[in-house]
C-alpha atoms as a PDB file:
ATOM      1  CA  MET A   1       0.489  -0.578  -0.575  1.00  0.00           C
ATOM      2  CA  ARG A   2       1.107   3.452  -0.725  1.00  0.00           C
ATOM      3  CA  ALA A   3      -0.162   6.777   1.105  1.00  0.00           C
ATOM      4  CA  VAL A   4       0.300  10.399   0.264  1.00  0.00           C
ATOM      5  CA  VAL A   5      -0.160  12.143   3.668  1.00  0.00           C
ATOM      6  CA  GLN A   6      -0.902  16.056   3.672  1.00  0.00           C
ATOM      7  CA  ARG A   7      -1.355  17.956   6.941  1.00  0.00           C
ATOM      8  CA  VAL A   8      -4.228  20.373   6.804  1.00  0.00           C
ATOM      9  CA  SER A   9      -5.640  23.100   7.932  1.00  0.00           C
ATOM     10  CA  ARG A  10      -8.932  21.951   5.641  1.00  0.00           C
ATOM     11  CA  GLY A  11      -9.361  19.800   3.449  1.00  0.00           C
ATOM     12  CA  SER A  12     -12.644  18.388   1.344  1.00  0.00           C
ATOM     13  CA  VAL A  13     -14.041  16.102  -1.362  1.00  0.00           C
ATOM     14  CA  LYS A  14     -16.683  17.045  -3.991  1.00  0.00           C
ATOM     15  CA  ILE A  15     -18.387  14.491  -6.110  1.00  0.00           C
ATOM     16  CA  GLY A  16     -20.087  16.506  -9.293  1.00  0.00           C
ATOM     17  CA  ASN A  17     -20.300  19.873  -8.037  1.00  0.00           C
ATOM     18  CA  ASP A  18     -21.689  18.699  -4.557  1.00  0.00           C
ATOM     19  CA  TYR A  19     -19.568  18.949  -1.334  1.00  0.00           C
ATOM     20  CA  TYR A  20     -19.481  15.427   0.258  1.00  0.00           C
ATOM     21  CA  LYS A  21     -17.009  15.989   3.002  1.00  0.00           C
ATOM     22  CA  GLU A  22     -15.142  18.059   4.501  1.00  0.00           C
ATOM     23  CA  ILE A  23     -12.333  17.982   7.214  1.00  0.00           C
ATOM     24  CA  GLY A  24     -10.685  21.000   9.367  1.00  0.00           C
ATOM     25  CA  ASN A  25      -7.259  20.903  11.192  1.00  0.00           C
ATOM     26  CA  GLY A  26      -5.831  17.146  10.321  1.00  0.00           C
ATOM     27  CA  MET A  27      -4.771  15.299   7.560  1.00  0.00           C
ATOM     28  CA  VAL A  28      -5.728  14.330   3.900  1.00  0.00           C
ATOM     29  CA  VAL A  29      -4.953  10.769   3.046  1.00  0.00           C
ATOM     30  CA  LEU A  30      -4.389   9.725  -0.521  1.00  0.00           C
ATOM     31  CA  LEU A  31      -4.445   5.531  -0.517  1.00  0.00           C
ATOM     32  CA  GLY A  32      -3.567   3.032  -3.509  1.00  0.00           C
ATOM     33  CA  VAL A  33      -3.928   0.159  -2.541  1.00  0.00           C
ATOM     34  CA  HIS A  34      -1.138  -2.564  -4.818  1.00  0.00           C
ATOM     35  CA  LYS A  35      -2.780  -6.106  -5.955  1.00  0.00           C
ATOM     36  CA  ASP A  36      -0.626  -8.157  -3.818  1.00  0.00           C
ATOM     37  CA  ASP A  37      -1.655  -5.983  -0.446  1.00  0.00           C
ATOM     38  CA  THR A  38      -3.144  -7.985   2.245  1.00  0.00           C
ATOM     39  CA  GLU A  39      -5.149  -7.352   5.363  1.00  0.00           C
ATOM     40  CA  GLU A  40      -2.364  -6.981   7.435  1.00  0.00           C
ATOM     41  CA  ASP A  41      -0.746  -4.746   5.248  1.00  0.00           C
ATOM     42  CA  ALA A  42      -3.798  -2.302   5.730  1.00  0.00           C
ATOM     43  CA  THR A  43      -4.046  -2.502   9.656  1.00  0.00           C
ATOM     44  CA  LYS A  44      -0.386  -1.681   9.752  1.00  0.00           C
ATOM     45  CA  LEU A  45      -0.623   1.146   7.612  1.00  0.00           C
ATOM     46  CA  ALA A  46      -3.534   2.489   9.677  1.00  0.00           C
ATOM     47  CA  GLU A  47      -1.451   2.053  12.790  1.00  0.00           C
ATOM     48  CA  LYS A  48       1.323   3.906  10.830  1.00  0.00           C
ATOM     49  CA  ILE A  49      -0.389   7.028   9.818  1.00  0.00           C
ATOM     50  CA  CYS A  50      -2.918   7.487  12.845  1.00  0.00           C
ATOM     51  CA  ASN A  51       0.322   7.807  15.098  1.00  0.00           C
ATOM     52  CA  LEU A  52       2.563   9.757  12.480  1.00  0.00           C
ATOM     53  CA  ARG A  53       3.919  12.530  14.898  1.00  0.00           C
ATOM     54  CA  ILE A  54       4.032  15.562  11.708  1.00  0.00           C
ATOM     55  CA  PHE A  55       1.639  18.486  13.992  1.00  0.00           C
ATOM     56  CA  ASN A  56       3.837  20.674  15.840  1.00  0.00           C
ATOM     57  CA  ASP A  57       4.404  20.697  19.754  1.00  0.00           C
ATOM     58  CA  GLU A  58       4.253  23.615  21.757  1.00  0.00           C
ATOM     59  CA  ASN A  59       8.208  24.706  20.476  1.00  0.00           C
ATOM     60  CA  GLY A  60       7.079  24.278  16.921  1.00  0.00           C
ATOM     61  CA  LYS A  61       8.353  20.877  16.264  1.00  0.00           C
ATOM     62  CA  LEU A  62       7.076  18.348  14.504  1.00  0.00           C
ATOM     63  CA  ASN A  63       5.767  15.908  17.679  1.00  0.00           C
ATOM     64  CA  LEU A  64       2.307  15.540  17.985  1.00  0.00           C
ATOM     65  CA  SER A  65       0.059  12.785  16.412  1.00  0.00           C
ATOM     66  CA  ILE A  66      -3.377  13.620  14.981  1.00  0.00           C
ATOM     67  CA  ASN A  67      -4.537  11.744  17.679  1.00  0.00           C
ATOM     68  CA  GLN A  68      -3.133  14.623  20.060  1.00  0.00           C
ATOM     69  CA  VAL A  69      -4.457  17.481  17.903  1.00  0.00           C
ATOM     70  CA  SER A  70      -8.047  16.264  18.128  1.00  0.00           C
ATOM     71  CA  GLY A  71      -8.095  16.217  14.052  1.00  0.00           C
ATOM     72  CA  GLU A  72      -9.855  14.658  11.742  1.00  0.00           C
ATOM     73  CA  MET A  73      -9.180  12.800   8.571  1.00  0.00           C
ATOM     74  CA  LEU A  74     -10.035  12.201   4.884  1.00  0.00           C
ATOM     75  CA  ILE A  75      -8.857   9.095   3.369  1.00  0.00           C
ATOM     76  CA  ILE A  76      -9.145   9.205   0.119  1.00  0.00           C
ATOM     77  CA  SER A  77      -9.205   6.041  -2.466  1.00  0.00           C
ATOM     78  CA  GLN A  78      -6.151   6.605  -5.437  1.00  0.00           C
ATOM     79  CA  PHE A  79      -5.440   3.595  -7.316  1.00  0.00           C
ATOM     80  CA  THR A  80      -3.235   6.379  -9.631  1.00  0.00           C
ATOM     81  CA  LEU A  81       0.071   6.037  -6.630  1.00  0.00           C
ATOM     82  CA  TYR A  82       0.652   2.785  -8.590  1.00  0.00           C
ATOM     83  CA  GLY A  83       0.877   4.064 -11.819  1.00  0.00           C
ATOM     84  CA  ASP A  84       4.272   3.158 -13.751  1.00  0.00           C
ATOM     85  CA  CYS A  85       5.793   6.001 -16.049  1.00  0.00           C
ATOM     86  CA  LYS A  86       9.436   3.159 -16.903  1.00  0.00           C
ATOM     87  CA  ARG A  87       7.783   2.768 -20.272  1.00  0.00           C
ATOM     88  CA  GLY A  88       6.663   5.643 -22.360  1.00  0.00           C
ATOM     89  CA  ASN A  89       4.401   8.853 -21.432  1.00  0.00           C
ATOM     90  CA  ARG A  90       1.525   6.542 -20.439  1.00  0.00           C
ATOM     91  CA  PRO A  91       1.089   5.223 -16.957  1.00  0.00           C
ATOM     92  CA  SER A  92       0.543   1.762 -16.443  1.00  0.00           C
ATOM     93  CA  PHE A  93      -1.431   0.709 -13.466  1.00  0.00           C
ATOM     94  CA  ILE A  94      -0.943  -3.126 -14.025  1.00  0.00           C
ATOM     95  CA  ASP A  95       0.338  -3.378 -10.061  1.00  0.00           C
ATOM     96  CA  SER A  96      -2.739  -1.228  -8.346  1.00  0.00           C
ATOM     97  CA  ALA A  97      -5.222  -3.538  -7.461  1.00  0.00           C
ATOM     98  CA  ASP A  98      -8.683  -4.468  -9.301  1.00  0.00           C
ATOM     99  CA  ALA A  99     -11.543  -3.067  -7.977  1.00  0.00           C
ATOM    100  CA  ALA A 100     -12.842  -5.500  -5.548  1.00  0.00           C
ATOM    101  CA  LYS A 101      -9.765  -6.339  -3.686  1.00  0.00           C
ATOM    102  CA  GLY A 102      -8.924  -2.384  -3.735  1.00  0.00           C
ATOM    103  CA  ASN A 103     -12.142  -1.547  -1.983  1.00  0.00           C
ATOM    104  CA  ALA A 104     -11.781  -4.222   0.599  1.00  0.00           C
ATOM    105  CA  ILE A 105      -8.484  -3.610   1.611  1.00  0.00           C
ATOM    106  CA  TYR A 106      -9.558   0.734   1.350  1.00  0.00           C
ATOM    107  CA  GLU A 107     -12.372  -0.307   3.418  1.00  0.00           C
ATOM    108  CA  LEU A 108     -10.588  -2.651   6.055  1.00  0.00           C
ATOM    109  CA  PHE A 109      -7.635   0.771   6.407  1.00  0.00           C
ATOM    110  CA  VAL A 110     -11.219   3.152   6.874  1.00  0.00           C
ATOM    111  CA  LYS A 111     -12.521   0.953   9.572  1.00  0.00           C
ATOM    112  CA  GLU A 112      -8.806   0.266  11.328  1.00  0.00           C
ATOM    113  CA  CYS A 113      -8.552   4.050  11.611  1.00  0.00           C
ATOM    114  CA  LYS A 114     -12.000   4.580  12.956  1.00  0.00           C
ATOM    115  CA  LYS A 115     -11.268   1.965  15.614  1.00  0.00           C
ATOM    116  CA  ILE A 116      -7.872   4.388  16.726  1.00  0.00           C
ATOM    117  CA  LEU A 117      -9.357   7.501  16.380  1.00  0.00           C
ATOM    118  CA  GLY A 118     -13.111   7.223  15.899  1.00  0.00           C
ATOM    119  CA  GLU A 119     -15.692   6.435  13.930  1.00  0.00           C
ATOM    120  CA  GLU A 120     -16.837  10.817  14.045  1.00  0.00           C
ATOM    121  CA  ARG A 121     -13.265  11.956  12.840  1.00  0.00           C
ATOM    122  CA  ILE A 122     -12.846   9.806   9.900  1.00  0.00           C
ATOM    123  CA  LYS A 123     -14.091  10.999   6.601  1.00  0.00           C
ATOM    124  CA  THR A 124     -13.935   9.636   2.982  1.00  0.00           C
ATOM    125  CA  GLY A 125     -14.283   9.981  -0.447  1.00  0.00           C
ATOM    126  CA  ILE A 126     -16.484   6.810  -2.945  1.00  0.00           C
ATOM    127  CA  PHE A 127     -14.587   4.311  -3.890  1.00  0.00           C
ATOM    128  CA  GLY A 128     -13.863   4.387  -7.440  1.00  0.00           C
ATOM    129  CA  ALA A 129     -15.835   7.681  -8.142  1.00  0.00           C
ATOM    130  CA  MET A 130     -14.778  10.911 -10.159  1.00  0.00           C
ATOM    131  CA  MET A 131     -13.760  13.447  -7.513  1.00  0.00           C
ATOM    132  CA  THR A 132     -12.781  16.824  -6.875  1.00  0.00           C
ATOM    133  CA  VAL A 133     -10.004  16.863  -3.722  1.00  0.00           C
ATOM    134  CA  GLU A 134      -9.575  20.044  -2.372  1.00  0.00           C
ATOM    135  CA  ILE A 135      -6.107  20.443   0.261  1.00  0.00           C
ATOM    136  CA  ILE A 136      -5.212  23.079   1.992  1.00  0.00           C
ATOM    137  CA  ASN A 137      -1.679  21.666   3.171  1.00  0.00           C
ATOM    138  CA  GLU A 138      -0.344  23.658   6.115  1.00  0.00           C
ATOM    139  CA  GLY A 139       3.441  24.175   6.573  1.00  0.00           C
ATOM    140  CA  PRO A 140       3.528  22.538   4.079  1.00  0.00           C
ATOM    141  CA  VAL A 141       3.963  18.467   5.481  1.00  0.00           C
ATOM    142  CA  THR A 142       3.598  15.963   2.892  1.00  0.00           C
ATOM    143  CA  ILE A 143       4.382  12.394   3.850  1.00  0.00           C
ATOM    144  CA  ILE A 144       4.863   9.367   1.823  1.00  0.00           C
ATOM    145  CA  VAL A 145       3.980   6.356   3.344  1.00  0.00           C
ATOM    146  CA  HIS A 146       4.425   2.504   2.426  1.00  0.00           C
ATOM    147  CA  THR A 147       3.959  -1.036   3.396  1.00  0.00           C
ATOM    148  CA  ASP A 148       6.913  -1.777   0.701  1.00  0.00           C
ATOM    149  CA  TYR A 149       9.546  -0.724   2.978  1.00  0.00           C
ATOM    150  CA  ASN A 150      11.732  -3.924   2.803  1.00  0.00           C
ATOM    151  CA  LYS A 151      11.456  -5.057  -0.585  1.00  0.00           C
ATOM    152  CA  THR A 152      14.415  -4.312  -3.336  1.00  0.00           C
ATOM    153  CA  LEU A 153      14.015  -1.661  -6.360  1.00  0.00           C
ATOM    154  CA  SER A 154      13.745  -5.168  -8.651  1.00  0.00           C
ATOM    155  CA  GLU A 155      10.563  -6.425  -6.544  1.00  0.00           C
ATOM    156  CA  LYS A 156       8.425  -2.765  -6.657  1.00  0.00           C
END
């Protein structure tokens, strides 16, 4: 799994012209699911992201988690995070999970985040929908987190 995590002062997702979900202070998580990802990957990544210390403490240091600042999280599925551009200019998405598996792993990730942070603090888009995501990045702070740390470049 791959996630682009952005610390935000505000984030929202629109479907069509209508705002679907909005958050204030917290993080927007753009989440990609690989074809080989497992339920264990979803659980581990949720724990990692929910405990990331990317919010400022009283000394201005990145030392607090989203839980410690009572932040919200907006989670958006994004299969394009596994786009491969090694050959030519058109990305290949063969490493992305198919829709059924991608949705199941995405939903498990959301469920795990809700267990950690509380249901009311987690918002999502709609899996597979065409969405417009607005992100007001705070800092800016953007972190890429993934579950394939132990793979070599030839395995990725």
